[in-house]
């Protein structure tokens, strides 16, 4: 839930409206570098590290949540 709250705050969205199917590129119009920057800020803010090998595969919130499963 901390991840969803961070994203809701970052994009001024209602946390209840931030679904797992939200796509960073198509729904939020983020470029790959912007997604990378967002993931970096998220990791710093919540004090965790995403596995490097999974970063390129993160396109949706669901992808992000699955990438954090092993953390």
Protein backbone atom coordinates (compact mmCIF):
# COMPACT_ATOMS: atom_id res chain seq x y z
CA UNK A 1 0.00 0.00 0.00
CA UNK A 2 2.94 2.37 0.55
CA UNK A 3 3.82 2.02 -3.13
CA UNK A 4 0.27 2.86 -4.20
CA UNK A 5 0.17 5.85 -1.83
CA UNK A 6 3.49 7.11 -3.19
CA UNK A 7 2.24 6.87 -6.78
CA UNK A 8 -1.10 8.49 -5.93
CA UNK A 9 0.71 11.40 -4.28
CA UNK A 10 3.24 11.66 -7.10
CA UNK A 11 0.55 11.96 -9.78
CA UNK A 12 -2.15 13.67 -7.70
CA UNK A 13 -4.49 10.69 -8.05
CA UNK A 14 -7.08 9.22 -5.73
CA UNK A 15 -5.34 6.22 -4.10
CA UNK A 16 -8.51 4.17 -4.62
CA UNK A 17 -8.26 4.86 -8.33
CA UNK A 18 -4.70 3.59 -8.66
CA UNK A 19 -5.23 0.07 -9.96
CA UNK A 20 -2.69 -2.61 -10.70
CA UNK A 21 -3.42 -2.32 -14.42
CA UNK A 22 -2.27 1.32 -14.54
CA UNK A 23 0.43 1.56 -17.19
CA UNK A 24 3.23 4.07 -16.66
CA UNK A 25 3.68 4.79 -20.38
CA UNK A 26 0.15 4.77 -21.72
CA UNK A 27 -1.86 5.93 -18.69
CA UNK A 28 0.64 8.40 -17.23
CA UNK A 29 2.44 9.32 -20.47
CA UNK A 30 5.87 8.59 -18.99
CA UNK A 31 8.87 7.98 -21.21
CA UNK A 32 11.26 5.14 -20.33
CA UNK A 33 13.72 7.59 -18.71
CA UNK A 34 10.85 9.12 -16.70
CA UNK A 35 9.76 5.66 -15.53
CA UNK A 36 13.33 4.93 -14.50
CA UNK A 37 13.49 8.21 -12.58
CA UNK A 38 10.16 7.47 -10.90
CA UNK A 39 11.32 4.01 -9.82
CA UNK A 40 14.52 5.51 -8.43
CA UNK A 41 12.59 8.09 -6.38
CA UNK A 42 10.21 5.38 -5.19
CA UNK A 43 13.07 3.19 -4.00
CA UNK A 44 14.73 6.10 -2.20
CA UNK A 45 11.50 7.26 -0.60
CA UNK A 46 10.46 3.83 0.67
CA UNK A 47 13.99 2.57 1.36
CA UNK A 48 14.09 -0.58 -0.75
CA UNK A 49 15.90 -1.78 -3.84
CA UNK A 50 14.28 -3.34 -6.88
CA UNK A 51 16.18 -6.18 -8.53
CA UNK A 52 18.16 -4.76 -11.47
CA UNK A 53 17.08 -7.60 -13.75
CA UNK A 54 13.40 -6.71 -13.28
CA UNK A 55 13.57 -2.95 -13.86
CA UNK A 56 13.21 -3.14 -17.64
CA UNK A 57 10.10 -5.30 -17.31
CA UNK A 58 8.14 -2.86 -15.14
CA UNK A 59 5.39 -1.33 -17.27
CA UNK A 60 2.42 -1.44 -14.89
CA UNK A 61 1.79 -1.19 -11.17
CA UNK A 62 1.17 -4.92 -11.19
CA UNK A 63 4.67 -5.45 -12.64
CA UNK A 64 6.09 -3.19 -9.94
CA UNK A 65 4.30 -5.06 -7.16
CA UNK A 66 5.48 -8.42 -8.51
CA UNK A 67 9.05 -7.11 -8.69
CA UNK A 68 8.85 -6.26 -4.99
CA UNK A 69 7.56 -9.71 -3.98
CA UNK A 70 11.04 -10.99 -3.21
CA UNK A 71 12.11 -7.92 -1.24
